[in-house]
């Protein structure tokens, strides 16, 4: 019985480690990146989600496709994400990838 409890606790702990960040986490990371430059873990996180590739989004019907022009700066994209998350607080409960796709697809549709 004791062994089963430890296995259960290990499973719960491992599930938390690999959880995807929420859009609220993305908001905090991008606000920090805009204020302090795109450095460290928060800078990498913000950069990752504000510059999506269309390779995954086009295959997943849930996440809107985003087609960037190619000349956008990380800072300008981060500003769009920050303002979008502040204007639509309900998006902050979604996964970061989903919220970024919803916000950026409005500015950069693939049509």
Protein backbone atom coordinates (compact mmCIF):
# COMPACT_ATOMS: atom_id res chain seq x y z
CA UNK A 1 0.00 0.00 0.00
CA UNK A 2 2.81 2.38 0.92
CA UNK A 3 4.49 1.74 -2.44
CA UNK A 4 1.24 2.54 -4.27
CA UNK A 5 0.96 5.88 -2.48
CA UNK A 6 4.52 6.84 -3.49
CA UNK A 7 3.87 5.88 -7.11
CA UNK A 8 0.72 8.01 -7.07
CA UNK A 9 2.56 10.98 -5.61
CA UNK A 10 5.34 10.60 -8.18
CA UNK A 11 2.78 10.52 -10.99
CA UNK A 12 1.07 13.67 -9.71
CA UNK A 13 4.42 15.46 -9.38
CA UNK A 14 5.54 14.46 -12.89
CA UNK A 15 2.25 15.58 -14.41
CA UNK A 16 2.81 19.07 -12.97
CA UNK A 17 6.35 19.30 -14.34
CA UNK A 18 5.23 18.82 -17.94
CA UNK A 19 2.14 21.02 -17.82
CA UNK A 20 1.96 23.65 -20.57
CA UNK A 21 2.03 27.29 -19.45
CA UNK A 22 -1.23 29.19 -19.30
CA UNK A 23 -1.89 32.41 -21.13
CA UNK A 24 -1.66 34.13 -17.73
CA UNK A 25 1.92 32.82 -17.48
CA UNK A 26 2.53 34.13 -21.01
CA UNK A 27 1.18 37.55 -20.04
CA UNK A 28 3.59 37.76 -17.08
CA UNK A 29 6.52 36.56 -19.21
CA UNK A 30 5.85 39.05 -22.00
CA UNK A 31 5.32 41.97 -19.63
CA UNK A 32 8.65 41.14 -17.99
CA UNK A 33 10.33 40.76 -21.39
CA UNK A 34 9.03 44.10 -22.63
CA UNK A 35 10.21 45.82 -19.44
CA UNK A 36 13.60 44.11 -19.12
CA UNK A 37 14.51 42.84 -22.56
CA UNK A 38 14.02 39.32 -23.82
CA UNK A 39 16.47 37.65 -21.42
CA UNK A 40 16.35 34.49 -19.36
CA UNK A 41 13.53 32.00 -19.07
CA UNK A 42 10.75 34.58 -19.34
CA UNK A 43 12.31 36.06 -22.45
CA UNK A 44 12.60 32.64 -24.06
CA UNK A 45 9.01 31.79 -23.16
CA UNK A 46 7.63 35.02 -24.54
CA UNK A 47 9.68 34.70 -27.73
CA UNK A 48 8.57 31.11 -28.25
CA UNK A 49 4.84 31.86 -28.06
CA UNK A 50 4.77 35.22 -29.87
CA UNK A 51 6.57 33.82 -32.93
CA UNK A 52 4.52 30.75 -33.80
CA UNK A 53 5.32 28.59 -36.78
CA UNK A 54 2.45 27.64 -39.03
CA UNK A 55 3.68 24.03 -39.11
CA UNK A 56 1.60 22.91 -36.12
CA UNK A 57 -1.26 25.39 -36.25
CA UNK A 58 -2.30 24.36 -39.74
CA UNK A 59 -2.77 20.74 -38.65
CA UNK A 60 -4.62 21.45 -35.40
CA UNK A 61 -8.12 22.69 -36.13
CA UNK A 62 -8.52 24.04 -32.60
CA UNK A 63 -5.59 26.48 -32.71
CA UNK A 64 -6.04 29.21 -35.33
CA UNK A 65 -3.40 29.51 -38.04
CA UNK A 66 -1.05 32.49 -37.82
CA UNK A 67 0.84 33.72 -40.88
CA UNK A 68 3.45 36.29 -39.94
CA UNK A 69 4.88 38.47 -42.68
CA UNK A 70 8.44 37.79 -41.51
CA UNK A 71 9.52 41.30 -40.55
CA UNK A 72 7.75 41.58 -37.18
CA UNK A 73 9.88 42.13 -34.11
CA UNK A 74 9.44 40.07 -30.96
CA UNK A 75 8.66 43.26 -29.07
CA UNK A 76 5.82 44.27 -31.42
CA UNK A 77 4.33 40.78 -31.27
CA UNK A 78 4.66 40.70 -27.48
CA UNK A 79 2.81 44.03 -27.27
CA UNK A 80 -0.03 42.56 -29.35
CA UNK A 81 -0.20 39.53 -27.05
CA UNK A 82 -0.11 41.63 -23.86
CA UNK A 83 -2.83 44.00 -25.04
CA UNK A 84 -4.94 41.11 -26.36
CA UNK A 85 -4.75 39.23 -23.06
CA UNK A 86 -5.63 42.36 -21.10
CA UNK A 87 -8.57 43.16 -23.40
CA UNK A 88 -9.85 39.55 -23.27
CA UNK A 89 -9.22 38.29 -19.70
CA UNK A 90 -11.08 35.03 -20.41
CA UNK A 91 -8.19 34.03 -22.70
CA UNK A 92 -5.83 34.06 -19.71
CA UNK A 93 -7.29 30.72 -18.58
CA UNK A 94 -6.41 29.00 -21.86
CA UNK A 95 -3.07 27.39 -22.70
CA UNK A 96 -0.48 29.91 -23.90
CA UNK A 97 -0.28 28.41 -27.40
CA UNK A 98 -4.06 28.62 -27.87
CA UNK A 99 -4.37 32.20 -26.60
CA UNK A 100 -1.42 33.40 -28.69
CA UNK A 101 -2.95 31.77 -31.77
CA UNK A 102 -6.33 33.39 -31.19
CA UNK A 103 -4.84 36.85 -30.65
CA UNK A 104 -2.25 36.77 -33.42
CA UNK A 105 -4.59 35.22 -36.01
CA UNK A 106 -6.76 38.32 -35.78
CA UNK A 107 -3.75 40.47 -36.79
CA UNK A 108 -2.04 37.96 -39.09
CA UNK A 109 -4.66 35.73 -40.75
CA UNK A 110 -3.59 33.15 -43.32
CA UNK A 111 -6.28 34.04 -45.88
